[in-house]
Amino acid sequence: QVQLVESGGGLVQPGGSLRLSCAASGSIFGLYDMTWYRQAPGKQRELVAGITSGGSTNYADSVKGRFTISRDNAKNTVYLQMNSLKPEDTAVYSCNANRVLSGVRYVYWGQGTQVTVSS
């Protein structure tokens, strides 16, 4: 079992920055691939950024160059540094953990944290 808790969301002006955190407990964090998703009102959930257990990263084109995902396995935490924020970044951001072990996939979600970019 893995419990995920996101934090760091809030209201920020366009061009500003926020750092989201996702703290995990209850399992071996370092073995999981971690992903940030977001969902805006009336839109489908989309992948924002991911980082594998080995440290490889990938980003949605819309955030590439502005957002950075990282992880600190010693702290059981994954981060999303968001710079140059735009109004279209407004969404609920959720943390996902997944792992395949012996042919079985394990997937966990956090509750999400609201990010609002507005002047």
C-alpha atoms as a PDB file:
ATOM      1  CA  GLN A   1       0.000   0.000   0.000  1.00  0.00           C
ATOM      2  CA  VAL A   2       1.144   3.510  -0.895  1.00  0.00           C
ATOM      3  CA  GLN A   3      -0.324   6.740   0.428  1.00  0.00           C
ATOM      4  CA  LEU A   4       0.331   9.907  -1.585  1.00  0.00           C
ATOM      5  CA  VAL A   5      -0.232  13.442  -0.318  1.00  0.00           C
ATOM      6  CA  GLU A   6       0.218  16.467  -2.566  1.00  0.00           C
ATOM      7  CA  SER A   7       0.950  19.961  -1.331  1.00  0.00           C
ATOM      8  CA  GLY A   8       2.185  23.316  -2.582  1.00  0.00           C
ATOM      9  CA  GLY A   9      -0.714  24.415  -4.720  1.00  0.00           C
ATOM     10  CA  GLY A  10      -2.230  27.855  -4.543  1.00  0.00           C
ATOM     11  CA  LEU A  11      -2.878  31.092  -6.364  1.00  0.00           C
ATOM     12  CA  VAL A  12      -0.093  32.639  -8.397  1.00  0.00           C
ATOM     13  CA  GLN A  13       0.148  35.404 -10.984  1.00  0.00           C
ATOM     14  CA  PRO A  14       1.043  34.669 -14.595  1.00  0.00           C
ATOM     15  CA  GLY A  15       4.786  34.370 -14.897  1.00  0.00           C
ATOM     16  CA  GLY A  16       5.133  33.240 -11.318  1.00  0.00           C
ATOM     17  CA  SER A  17       6.385  29.983  -9.868  1.00  0.00           C
ATOM     18  CA  LEU A  18       5.171  27.210  -7.597  1.00  0.00           C
ATOM     19  CA  ARG A  19       6.703  23.997  -6.355  1.00  0.00           C
ATOM     20  CA  LEU A  20       4.415  21.056  -5.800  1.00  0.00           C
ATOM     21  CA  SER A  21       5.366  18.185  -3.536  1.00  0.00           C
ATOM     22  CA  CYS A  22       4.058  14.646  -3.368  1.00  0.00           C
ATOM     23  CA  ALA A  23       4.981  12.750  -0.233  1.00  0.00           C
ATOM     24  CA  ALA A  24       4.655   8.983  -0.216  1.00  0.00           C
ATOM     25  CA  SER A  25       4.411   6.532   2.620  1.00  0.00           C
ATOM     26  CA  GLY A  26       3.645   2.875   3.156  1.00  0.00           C
ATOM     27  CA  SER A  27       5.928   1.234   0.595  1.00  0.00           C
ATOM     28  CA  ILE A  28       9.308   1.343  -1.129  1.00  0.00           C
ATOM     29  CA  PHE A  29       9.148   4.712  -2.843  1.00  0.00           C
ATOM     30  CA  GLY A  30      12.347   4.374  -4.827  1.00  0.00           C
ATOM     31  CA  LEU A  31      10.998   1.457  -6.870  1.00  0.00           C
ATOM     32  CA  TYR A  32       8.025   3.378  -8.260  1.00  0.00           C
ATOM     33  CA  ASP A  33       7.693   5.462 -11.373  1.00  0.00           C
ATOM     34  CA  MET A  34       6.144   8.803 -10.435  1.00  0.00           C
ATOM     35  CA  THR A  35       3.967  11.013 -12.583  1.00  0.00           C
ATOM     36  CA  TRP A  36       2.201  14.341 -12.240  1.00  0.00           C
ATOM     37  CA  TYR A  37      -1.155  14.708 -13.968  1.00  0.00           C
ATOM     38  CA  ARG A  38      -3.503  17.653 -14.140  1.00  0.00           C
ATOM     39  CA  GLN A  39      -7.145  18.155 -14.923  1.00  0.00           C
ATOM     40  CA  ALA A  40      -8.804  21.472 -15.652  1.00  0.00           C
ATOM     41  CA  PRO A  41     -12.571  21.995 -15.493  1.00  0.00           C
ATOM     42  CA  GLY A  42     -14.242  20.547 -18.569  1.00  0.00           C
ATOM     43  CA  LYS A  43     -11.053  18.932 -19.821  1.00  0.00           C
ATOM     44  CA  GLN A  44      -9.585  15.461 -19.697  1.00  0.00           C
ATOM     45  CA  ARG A  45      -6.796  14.561 -17.349  1.00  0.00           C
ATOM     46  CA  GLU A  46      -3.424  14.942 -19.005  1.00  0.00           C
ATOM     47  CA  LEU A  47       0.074  13.849 -18.202  1.00  0.00           C
ATOM     48  CA  VAL A  48       2.279  16.744 -17.153  1.00  0.00           C
ATOM     49  CA  ALA A  49       5.587  15.148 -16.228  1.00  0.00           C
ATOM     50  CA  GLY A  50       6.952  11.780 -15.240  1.00  0.00           C
ATOM     51  CA  ILE A  51      10.075  10.402 -13.662  1.00  0.00           C
ATOM     52  CA  THR A  52      11.002   6.734 -13.548  1.00  0.00           C
ATOM     53  CA  SER A  53      12.604   4.845 -10.716  1.00  0.00           C
ATOM     54  CA  GLY A  54      15.840   5.208 -12.660  1.00  0.00           C
ATOM     55  CA  GLY A  55      15.535   8.972 -12.954  1.00  0.00           C
ATOM     56  CA  SER A  56      14.453   9.311 -16.588  1.00  0.00           C
ATOM     57  CA  THR A  57      12.002  12.160 -17.183  1.00  0.00           C
ATOM     58  CA  ASN A  58       9.397  13.107 -19.727  1.00  0.00           C
ATOM     59  CA  TYR A  59       7.164  16.155 -20.126  1.00  0.00           C
ATOM     60  CA  ALA A  60       4.101  17.277 -21.944  1.00  0.00           C
ATOM     61  CA  ASP A  61       4.969  19.611 -24.793  1.00  0.00           C
ATOM     62  CA  SER A  62       2.915  22.357 -23.177  1.00  0.00           C
ATOM     63  CA  VAL A  63       5.146  22.481 -20.097  1.00  0.00           C
ATOM     64  CA  LYS A  64       8.514  21.509 -21.546  1.00  0.00           C
ATOM     65  CA  GLY A  65      11.139  24.053 -20.613  1.00  0.00           C
ATOM     66  CA  ARG A  66       8.990  25.530 -17.850  1.00  0.00           C
ATOM     67  CA  PHE A  67       8.366  22.621 -15.478  1.00  0.00           C
ATOM     68  CA  THR A  68      10.878  20.294 -13.866  1.00  0.00           C
ATOM     69  CA  ILE A  69      10.091  17.011 -12.148  1.00  0.00           C
ATOM     70  CA  SER A  70      12.490  15.572  -9.613  1.00  0.00           C
ATOM     71  CA  ARG A  71      12.537  13.076  -6.794  1.00  0.00           C
ATOM     72  CA  ASP A  72      14.276  12.633  -3.492  1.00  0.00           C
ATOM     73  CA  ASN A  73      14.062   8.971  -2.602  1.00  0.00           C
ATOM     74  CA  ALA A  74      15.548   9.558   0.838  1.00  0.00           C
ATOM     75  CA  LYS A  75      12.561  11.788   1.597  1.00  0.00           C
ATOM     76  CA  ASN A  76      10.016   9.660  -0.278  1.00  0.00           C
ATOM     77  CA  THR A  77       9.000  12.758  -2.200  1.00  0.00           C
ATOM     78  CA  VAL A  78       8.559  13.811  -5.810  1.00  0.00           C
ATOM     79  CA  TYR A  79       8.493  17.477  -6.801  1.00  0.00           C
ATOM     80  CA  LEU A  80       7.174  19.531  -9.651  1.00  0.00           C
ATOM     81  CA  GLN A  81       8.855  22.897 -10.033  1.00  0.00           C
ATOM     82  CA  MET A  82       6.624  25.109 -12.145  1.00  0.00           C
ATOM     83  CA  ASN A  83       8.034  28.316 -13.589  1.00  0.00           C
ATOM     84  CA  SER A  84       6.658  30.893 -16.008  1.00  0.00           C
ATOM     85  CA  LEU A  85       3.142  29.846 -15.129  1.00  0.00           C
ATOM     86  CA  LYS A  86       0.314  30.628 -17.503  1.00  0.00           C
ATOM     87  CA  PRO A  87      -3.436  30.844 -16.919  1.00  0.00           C
ATOM     88  CA  GLU A  88      -3.857  27.655 -18.948  1.00  0.00           C
ATOM     89  CA  ASP A  89      -1.824  25.832 -16.300  1.00  0.00           C
ATOM     90  CA  THR A  90      -4.752  26.233 -13.920  1.00  0.00           C
ATOM     91  CA  ALA A  91      -5.878  22.757 -12.867  1.00  0.00           C
ATOM     92  CA  VAL A  92      -5.951  20.210 -10.102  1.00  0.00           C
ATOM     93  CA  TYR A  93      -2.568  18.530 -10.059  1.00  0.00           C
ATOM     94  CA  SER A  94      -2.412  14.918  -8.901  1.00  0.00           C
ATOM     95  CA  CYS A  95       0.470  12.631  -8.119  1.00  0.00           C
ATOM     96  CA  ASN A  96       0.588   9.068  -9.403  1.00  0.00           C
ATOM     97  CA  ALA A  97       2.816   6.181  -8.407  1.00  0.00           C
ATOM     98  CA  ASN A  98       3.070   2.997 -10.413  1.00  0.00           C
ATOM     99  CA  ARG A  99       5.134  -0.142 -10.470  1.00  0.00           C
ATOM    100  CA  VAL A 100       5.054  -3.531 -12.129  1.00  0.00           C
ATOM    101  CA  LEU A 101       6.229  -6.430 -10.011  1.00  0.00           C
ATOM    102  CA  SER A 102       6.049 -10.056 -11.144  1.00  0.00           C
ATOM    103  CA  GLY A 103       3.541  -9.176 -13.841  1.00  0.00           C
ATOM    104  CA  VAL A 104       1.275  -7.246 -11.478  1.00  0.00           C
ATOM    105  CA  ARG A 105       0.777  -3.494 -11.858  1.00  0.00           C
ATOM    106  CA  TYR A 106       0.359  -1.354  -8.776  1.00  0.00           C
ATOM    107  CA  VAL A 107      -1.115   2.135  -9.229  1.00  0.00           C
ATOM    108  CA  TYR A 108      -1.810   4.767  -6.580  1.00  0.00           C
ATOM    109  CA  TRP A 109      -3.174   8.313  -6.695  1.00  0.00           C
ATOM    110  CA  GLY A 110      -3.077  11.270  -4.376  1.00  0.00           C
ATOM    111  CA  GLN A 111      -6.026  13.556  -3.678  1.00  0.00           C
ATOM    112  CA  GLY A 112      -4.712  16.427  -5.777  1.00  0.00           C
ATOM    113  CA  THR A 113      -3.805  20.040  -5.143  1.00  0.00           C
ATOM    114  CA  GLN A 114      -5.324  23.086  -6.828  1.00  0.00           C
ATOM    115  CA  VAL A 115      -3.133  25.407  -8.866  1.00  0.00           C
ATOM    116  CA  THR A 116      -4.695  28.663 -10.025  1.00  0.00           C
ATOM    117  CA  VAL A 117      -2.818  31.067 -12.279  1.00  0.00           C
ATOM    118  CA  SER A 118      -4.586  34.382 -12.510  1.00  0.00           C
ATOM    119  CA  SER A 119      -3.927  38.094 -12.420  1.00  0.00           C
END
